[in-house]
Amino acid sequence: PDMTIILHGRDSRLWLKSVDAWKDLRARLDVSELPGKGPHPYTDDGMRDWFEALYRNIEEAMQGDPKFLSIDIADPEAPEKIGRAIGRKIKWWGRENRNAS
């Protein structure tokens, strides 16, 4: 009832680069039965198309909900926007889970 839903996303090319950097994540996504995902093996274009469609569907479903915020994590104002949405100051914003690649 009083919950804020935050959809945090990023450019699909950057998302795919991140997926490819995380061990076997792409292989796991490839064989997973996910809503809207076509058959595998997935091309780069297919992965990005699925990711973009997923976000569009969520944004359309949540459209008009005052407790919904869709945010690009690369937006320099992301911490302030999220803070306003949840009524708290965001004290840290950065990359906690860097990998070697």
C-alpha atoms as a PDB file:
ATOM      1  CA  PRO A   1       0.000   0.000   0.000  1.00  0.00           C
ATOM      2  CA  ASP A   2       2.690   2.530   0.880  1.00  0.00           C
ATOM      3  CA  MET A   3       5.506   0.834  -0.986  1.00  0.00           C
ATOM      4  CA  THR A   4       7.612   2.601  -3.597  1.00  0.00           C
ATOM      5  CA  ILE A   5       8.587   0.487  -6.597  1.00  0.00           C
ATOM      6  CA  ILE A   6      11.867   1.460  -8.235  1.00  0.00           C
ATOM      7  CA  LEU A   7      12.784   0.053 -11.636  1.00  0.00           C
ATOM      8  CA  HIS A   8      16.482   0.666 -12.045  1.00  0.00           C
ATOM      9  CA  GLY A   9      17.809   0.211 -15.536  1.00  0.00           C
ATOM     10  CA  ARG A  10      20.500   1.252 -17.921  1.00  0.00           C
ATOM     11  CA  ASP A  11      21.314   1.432 -21.593  1.00  0.00           C
ATOM     12  CA  SER A  12      20.811  -2.036 -23.071  1.00  0.00           C
ATOM     13  CA  ARG A  13      24.337  -2.143 -24.520  1.00  0.00           C
ATOM     14  CA  LEU A  14      25.830  -1.421 -21.094  1.00  0.00           C
ATOM     15  CA  TRP A  15      23.486  -3.967 -19.520  1.00  0.00           C
ATOM     16  CA  LEU A  16      24.616  -6.658 -21.966  1.00  0.00           C
ATOM     17  CA  LYS A  17      28.271  -5.814 -21.343  1.00  0.00           C
ATOM     18  CA  SER A  18      27.619  -6.257 -17.625  1.00  0.00           C
ATOM     19  CA  VAL A  19      25.798  -9.570 -18.201  1.00  0.00           C
ATOM     20  CA  ASP A  20      28.720 -10.866 -20.253  1.00  0.00           C
ATOM     21  CA  ALA A  21      31.187  -9.865 -17.524  1.00  0.00           C
ATOM     22  CA  TRP A  22      29.454 -11.921 -14.821  1.00  0.00           C
ATOM     23  CA  LYS A  23      30.689 -15.493 -15.149  1.00  0.00           C
ATOM     24  CA  ASP A  24      27.917 -17.646 -16.616  1.00  0.00           C
ATOM     25  CA  LEU A  25      25.036 -15.169 -16.291  1.00  0.00           C
ATOM     26  CA  ARG A  26      24.452 -14.966 -20.033  1.00  0.00           C
ATOM     27  CA  ALA A  27      24.334 -18.762 -20.337  1.00  0.00           C
ATOM     28  CA  ARG A  28      21.865 -18.933 -17.446  1.00  0.00           C
ATOM     29  CA  LEU A  29      19.652 -16.260 -19.022  1.00  0.00           C
ATOM     30  CA  ASP A  30      19.871 -18.069 -22.345  1.00  0.00           C
ATOM     31  CA  VAL A  31      18.372 -21.294 -20.972  1.00  0.00           C
ATOM     32  CA  SER A  32      15.924 -19.655 -18.555  1.00  0.00           C
ATOM     33  CA  GLU A  33      12.209 -19.490 -19.219  1.00  0.00           C
ATOM     34  CA  LEU A  34      11.678 -15.763 -18.803  1.00  0.00           C
ATOM     35  CA  PRO A  35       8.569 -13.804 -19.846  1.00  0.00           C
ATOM     36  CA  GLY A  36       8.880 -12.513 -23.406  1.00  0.00           C
ATOM     37  CA  LYS A  37      12.215 -14.197 -24.050  1.00  0.00           C
ATOM     38  CA  GLY A  38      12.481 -15.972 -27.368  1.00  0.00           C
ATOM     39  CA  PRO A  39      14.221 -19.270 -27.996  1.00  0.00           C
ATOM     40  CA  HIS A  40      17.937 -19.619 -27.392  1.00  0.00           C
ATOM     41  CA  PRO A  41      20.728 -19.209 -28.340  1.00  0.00           C
ATOM     42  CA  TYR A  42      20.412 -15.488 -27.980  1.00  0.00           C
ATOM     43  CA  THR A  43      22.255 -13.018 -30.172  1.00  0.00           C
ATOM     44  CA  ASP A  44      23.379  -9.671 -28.779  1.00  0.00           C
ATOM     45  CA  ASP A  45      20.480  -8.007 -30.594  1.00  0.00           C
ATOM     46  CA  GLY A  46      18.034 -10.576 -29.221  1.00  0.00           C
ATOM     47  CA  MET A  47      19.241 -10.067 -25.662  1.00  0.00           C
ATOM     48  CA  ARG A  48      18.972  -6.280 -25.957  1.00  0.00           C
ATOM     49  CA  ASP A  49      15.515  -6.543 -27.577  1.00  0.00           C
ATOM     50  CA  TRP A  50      14.295  -8.730 -24.703  1.00  0.00           C
ATOM     51  CA  PHE A  51      15.747  -6.396 -22.068  1.00  0.00           C
ATOM     52  CA  GLU A  52      14.226  -3.298 -23.690  1.00  0.00           C
ATOM     53  CA  ALA A  53      10.817  -4.970 -24.124  1.00  0.00           C
ATOM     54  CA  LEU A  54      10.824  -6.118 -20.498  1.00  0.00           C
ATOM     55  CA  TYR A  55      11.425  -2.585 -19.271  1.00  0.00           C
ATOM     56  CA  ARG A  56       8.812  -1.122 -21.635  1.00  0.00           C
ATOM     57  CA  ASN A  57       6.235  -3.634 -20.393  1.00  0.00           C
ATOM     58  CA  ILE A  58       6.935  -2.827 -16.748  1.00  0.00           C
ATOM     59  CA  GLU A  59       6.824   0.917 -17.380  1.00  0.00           C
ATOM     60  CA  GLU A  60       3.520   0.594 -19.280  1.00  0.00           C
ATOM     61  CA  ALA A  61       2.004  -1.551 -16.523  1.00  0.00           C
ATOM     62  CA  MET A  62       3.054   0.924 -13.834  1.00  0.00           C
ATOM     63  CA  GLN A  63       2.227   4.087 -15.793  1.00  0.00           C
ATOM     64  CA  GLY A  64       0.405   6.622 -13.667  1.00  0.00           C
ATOM     65  CA  ASP A  65       1.271   4.975 -10.348  1.00  0.00           C
ATOM     66  CA  PRO A  66       2.616   7.750  -8.109  1.00  0.00           C
ATOM     67  CA  LYS A  67       4.659   5.209  -6.114  1.00  0.00           C
ATOM     68  CA  PHE A  68       6.584   3.998  -9.194  1.00  0.00           C
ATOM     69  CA  LEU A  69       9.945   5.380 -10.286  1.00  0.00           C
ATOM     70  CA  SER A  70      11.843   4.250 -13.364  1.00  0.00           C
ATOM     71  CA  ILE A  71      15.453   5.356 -13.119  1.00  0.00           C
ATOM     72  CA  ASP A  72      18.560   5.087 -15.267  1.00  0.00           C
ATOM     73  CA  ILE A  73      21.399   4.144 -12.927  1.00  0.00           C
ATOM     74  CA  ALA A  74      23.789   6.231 -15.046  1.00  0.00           C
ATOM     75  CA  ASP A  75      21.760   9.391 -14.401  1.00  0.00           C
ATOM     76  CA  PRO A  76      23.907  11.651 -12.209  1.00  0.00           C
ATOM     77  CA  GLU A  77      20.717  12.726 -10.425  1.00  0.00           C
ATOM     78  CA  ALA A  78      19.645   9.124  -9.684  1.00  0.00           C
ATOM     79  CA  PRO A  79      20.497   9.249  -5.959  1.00  0.00           C
ATOM     80  CA  GLU A  80      18.520  12.465  -5.467  1.00  0.00           C
ATOM     81  CA  LYS A  81      15.533  11.152  -7.457  1.00  0.00           C
ATOM     82  CA  ILE A  82      15.455   7.905  -5.508  1.00  0.00           C
ATOM     83  CA  GLY A  83      15.910   9.786  -2.234  1.00  0.00           C
ATOM     84  CA  ARG A  84      12.926  12.002  -3.006  1.00  0.00           C
ATOM     85  CA  ALA A  85      10.834   8.957  -3.966  1.00  0.00           C
ATOM     86  CA  ILE A  86      11.524   7.136  -0.703  1.00  0.00           C
ATOM     87  CA  GLY A  87      11.815  10.147   1.577  1.00  0.00           C
ATOM     88  CA  ARG A  88      15.412   9.508   2.580  1.00  0.00           C
ATOM     89  CA  LYS A  89      18.826  10.793   1.645  1.00  0.00           C
ATOM     90  CA  ILE A  90      20.909   8.321  -0.352  1.00  0.00           C
ATOM     91  CA  LYS A  91      24.289   8.326   1.392  1.00  0.00           C
ATOM     92  CA  TRP A  92      26.209   6.191  -1.095  1.00  0.00           C
ATOM     93  CA  TRP A  93      25.907   5.672  -4.833  1.00  0.00           C
ATOM     94  CA  GLY A  94      28.542   3.888  -6.843  1.00  0.00           C
ATOM     95  CA  ARG A  95      29.816   0.483  -7.833  1.00  0.00           C
ATOM     96  CA  GLU A  96      30.089  -1.964  -4.988  1.00  0.00           C
ATOM     97  CA  ASN A  97      30.276  -5.143  -7.041  1.00  0.00           C
ATOM     98  CA  ARG A  98      32.982  -4.490  -9.631  1.00  0.00           C
ATOM     99  CA  ASN A  99      34.368  -7.525 -11.363  1.00  0.00           C
ATOM    100  CA  ALA A 100      37.776  -8.108 -12.895  1.00  0.00           C
ATOM    101  CA  SER A 101      36.634  -7.711 -16.519  1.00  0.00           C
END
